[in-house]
Amino acid sequence: MRFVTRPQAHLSAILIPVVLALSLSACATGSQGVEELSPDTYFLRYRMADVDGGSVEAKRLAVIEAEAHCASDGRSFELTKEELGPVTADIYFRCNTF
């Protein structure tokens, strides 16, 4: 009599949920770009999965994107308001001339 163990079944029971969770978190990361609210005033929402740093990391990346947006027009970045959720950072900012 020969006994066969199925380590692959056990391994796939662990890997499938992990891969699925990582795939879903990757889809929900980033921003949809800068939105102009009025001349020189903008809004940016950045989403970052909890496992990747959540709202703290989202705010850091949002500020980097906003600074780059202003710099592309030769202007300086000024944060005017921020709202942090569990996995999102909403920032409002101005692009000022030097």
C-alpha atoms as a PDB file:
ATOM      1  CA  MET A   1       0.000   0.000   0.000  1.00  0.00           C
ATOM      2  CA  ARG A   2       1.353   3.402  -0.959  1.00  0.00           C
ATOM      3  CA  PHE A   3       0.320   6.661   0.668  1.00  0.00           C
ATOM      4  CA  VAL A   4       0.434   9.796  -1.403  1.00  0.00           C
ATOM      5  CA  THR A   5       0.535  13.175   0.221  1.00  0.00           C
ATOM      6  CA  ARG A   6      -0.652  16.199  -1.628  1.00  0.00           C
ATOM      7  CA  PRO A   7       1.539  19.116  -0.592  1.00  0.00           C
ATOM      8  CA  GLN A   8       0.508  20.956  -3.749  1.00  0.00           C
ATOM      9  CA  ALA A   9      -3.106  21.098  -2.583  1.00  0.00           C
ATOM     10  CA  HIS A  10      -2.042  22.560   0.760  1.00  0.00           C
ATOM     11  CA  LEU A  11       0.320  25.020  -0.905  1.00  0.00           C
ATOM     12  CA  SER A  12      -2.290  26.195  -3.389  1.00  0.00           C
ATOM     13  CA  ALA A  13      -4.780  26.713  -0.556  1.00  0.00           C
ATOM     14  CA  ILE A  14      -2.334  29.258   0.867  1.00  0.00           C
ATOM     15  CA  LEU A  15      -1.000  30.808  -2.313  1.00  0.00           C
ATOM     16  CA  ILE A  16      -4.259  31.461  -4.132  1.00  0.00           C
ATOM     17  CA  PRO A  17      -5.698  33.850  -1.491  1.00  0.00           C
ATOM     18  CA  VAL A  18      -2.336  35.613  -1.112  1.00  0.00           C
ATOM     19  CA  VAL A  19      -1.909  36.124  -4.862  1.00  0.00           C
ATOM     20  CA  LEU A  20      -5.512  37.271  -5.182  1.00  0.00           C
ATOM     21  CA  ALA A  21      -5.118  39.794  -2.362  1.00  0.00           C
ATOM     22  CA  LEU A  22      -1.921  41.183  -3.854  1.00  0.00           C
ATOM     23  CA  SER A  23      -3.500  41.435  -7.282  1.00  0.00           C
ATOM     24  CA  LEU A  24      -6.482  43.334  -5.948  1.00  0.00           C
ATOM     25  CA  SER A  25      -4.353  45.692  -3.890  1.00  0.00           C
ATOM     26  CA  ALA A  26      -2.197  46.463  -6.919  1.00  0.00           C
ATOM     27  CA  CYS A  27      -5.284  47.443  -8.914  1.00  0.00           C
ATOM     28  CA  ALA A  28      -6.388  49.894  -6.273  1.00  0.00           C
ATOM     29  CA  THR A  29      -3.093  51.758  -5.966  1.00  0.00           C
ATOM     30  CA  GLY A  30      -2.216  55.157  -7.369  1.00  0.00           C
ATOM     31  CA  SER A  31      -4.041  58.238  -8.509  1.00  0.00           C
ATOM     32  CA  GLN A  32      -6.265  59.119 -11.411  1.00  0.00           C
ATOM     33  CA  GLY A  33      -4.379  62.318 -12.007  1.00  0.00           C
ATOM     34  CA  VAL A  34      -4.598  65.941 -11.008  1.00  0.00           C
ATOM     35  CA  GLU A  35      -7.983  67.636 -11.238  1.00  0.00           C
ATOM     36  CA  GLU A  36      -8.150  71.394 -11.734  1.00  0.00           C
ATOM     37  CA  LEU A  37     -10.694  73.019  -9.395  1.00  0.00           C
ATOM     38  CA  SER A  38     -10.013  76.614 -10.434  1.00  0.00           C
ATOM     39  CA  PRO A  39      -7.095  78.455 -11.979  1.00  0.00           C
ATOM     40  CA  ASP A  40      -3.957  77.454 -10.023  1.00  0.00           C
ATOM     41  CA  THR A  41      -5.968  75.307  -7.535  1.00  0.00           C
ATOM     42  CA  TYR A  42      -5.965  71.530  -7.839  1.00  0.00           C
ATOM     43  CA  PHE A  43      -7.134  68.293  -6.226  1.00  0.00           C
ATOM     44  CA  LEU A  44      -5.454  64.896  -6.176  1.00  0.00           C
ATOM     45  CA  ARG A  45      -6.639  61.638  -4.585  1.00  0.00           C
ATOM     46  CA  TYR A  46      -4.087  58.901  -4.072  1.00  0.00           C
ATOM     47  CA  ARG A  47      -4.986  55.388  -2.925  1.00  0.00           C
ATOM     48  CA  MET A  48      -2.526  52.970  -1.351  1.00  0.00           C
ATOM     49  CA  ALA A  49      -3.297  49.537   0.097  1.00  0.00           C
ATOM     50  CA  ASP A  50      -2.895  49.164   3.851  1.00  0.00           C
ATOM     51  CA  VAL A  51      -0.110  46.622   3.408  1.00  0.00           C
ATOM     52  CA  ASP A  52       1.785  49.152   1.272  1.00  0.00           C
ATOM     53  CA  GLY A  53       1.599  51.974   3.808  1.00  0.00           C
ATOM     54  CA  GLY A  54      -2.009  53.142   3.584  1.00  0.00           C
ATOM     55  CA  SER A  55      -2.817  56.836   3.759  1.00  0.00           C
ATOM     56  CA  VAL A  56       0.630  57.884   5.043  1.00  0.00           C
ATOM     57  CA  GLU A  57       2.335  56.483   1.944  1.00  0.00           C
ATOM     58  CA  ALA A  58      -0.541  57.701  -0.237  1.00  0.00           C
ATOM     59  CA  LYS A  59      -0.010  61.267   1.001  1.00  0.00           C
ATOM     60  CA  ARG A  60       3.733  61.076   0.400  1.00  0.00           C
ATOM     61  CA  LEU A  61       3.218  59.899  -3.186  1.00  0.00           C
ATOM     62  CA  ALA A  62       0.409  62.401  -3.806  1.00  0.00           C
ATOM     63  CA  VAL A  63       2.668  65.270  -2.764  1.00  0.00           C
ATOM     64  CA  ILE A  64       5.414  64.013  -5.088  1.00  0.00           C
ATOM     65  CA  GLU A  65       2.939  63.877  -7.984  1.00  0.00           C
ATOM     66  CA  ALA A  66       1.538  67.322  -7.156  1.00  0.00           C
ATOM     67  CA  GLU A  67       5.025  68.853  -6.905  1.00  0.00           C
ATOM     68  CA  ALA A  68       5.883  67.378 -10.306  1.00  0.00           C
ATOM     69  CA  HIS A  69       2.651  68.776 -11.759  1.00  0.00           C
ATOM     70  CA  CYS A  70       3.501  72.293 -10.585  1.00  0.00           C
ATOM     71  CA  ALA A  71       7.163  72.013 -11.575  1.00  0.00           C
ATOM     72  CA  SER A  72       6.191  70.990 -15.112  1.00  0.00           C
ATOM     73  CA  ASP A  73       4.841  74.544 -15.545  1.00  0.00           C
ATOM     74  CA  GLY A  74       7.764  76.158 -13.715  1.00  0.00           C
ATOM     75  CA  ARG A  75       5.689  76.872 -10.619  1.00  0.00           C
ATOM     76  CA  SER A  76       6.055  75.966  -6.935  1.00  0.00           C
ATOM     77  CA  PHE A  77       3.803  73.615  -4.957  1.00  0.00           C
ATOM     78  CA  GLU A  78       1.763  74.753  -1.936  1.00  0.00           C
ATOM     79  CA  LEU A  79      -0.350  72.269   0.037  1.00  0.00           C
ATOM     80  CA  THR A  80      -3.571  73.991   1.125  1.00  0.00           C
ATOM     81  CA  LYS A  81      -5.596  71.108   2.594  1.00  0.00           C
ATOM     82  CA  GLU A  82      -5.328  67.380   3.211  1.00  0.00           C
ATOM     83  CA  GLU A  83      -7.830  64.699   4.153  1.00  0.00           C
ATOM     84  CA  LEU A  84      -6.565  61.249   5.098  1.00  0.00           C
ATOM     85  CA  GLY A  85      -8.675  58.108   5.163  1.00  0.00           C
ATOM     86  CA  PRO A  86      -7.535  54.582   5.988  1.00  0.00           C
ATOM     87  CA  VAL A  87      -6.113  53.983   2.502  1.00  0.00           C
ATOM     88  CA  THR A  88      -6.536  57.326   0.734  1.00  0.00           C
ATOM     89  CA  ALA A  89      -5.023  60.776   0.815  1.00  0.00           C
ATOM     90  CA  ASP A  90      -6.899  63.695  -0.696  1.00  0.00           C
ATOM     91  CA  ILE A  91      -4.772  66.776  -1.156  1.00  0.00           C
ATOM     92  CA  TYR A  92      -5.722  70.225  -2.327  1.00  0.00           C
ATOM     93  CA  PHE A  93      -2.917  72.402  -3.559  1.00  0.00           C
ATOM     94  CA  ARG A  94      -1.918  75.501  -5.475  1.00  0.00           C
ATOM     95  CA  CYS A  95       0.744  76.023  -8.078  1.00  0.00           C
ATOM     96  CA  ASN A  96       2.325  79.424  -7.428  1.00  0.00           C
ATOM     97  CA  THR A  97       4.601  81.448  -9.637  1.00  0.00           C
ATOM     98  CA  PHE A  98       7.987  82.160  -8.087  1.00  0.00           C
END
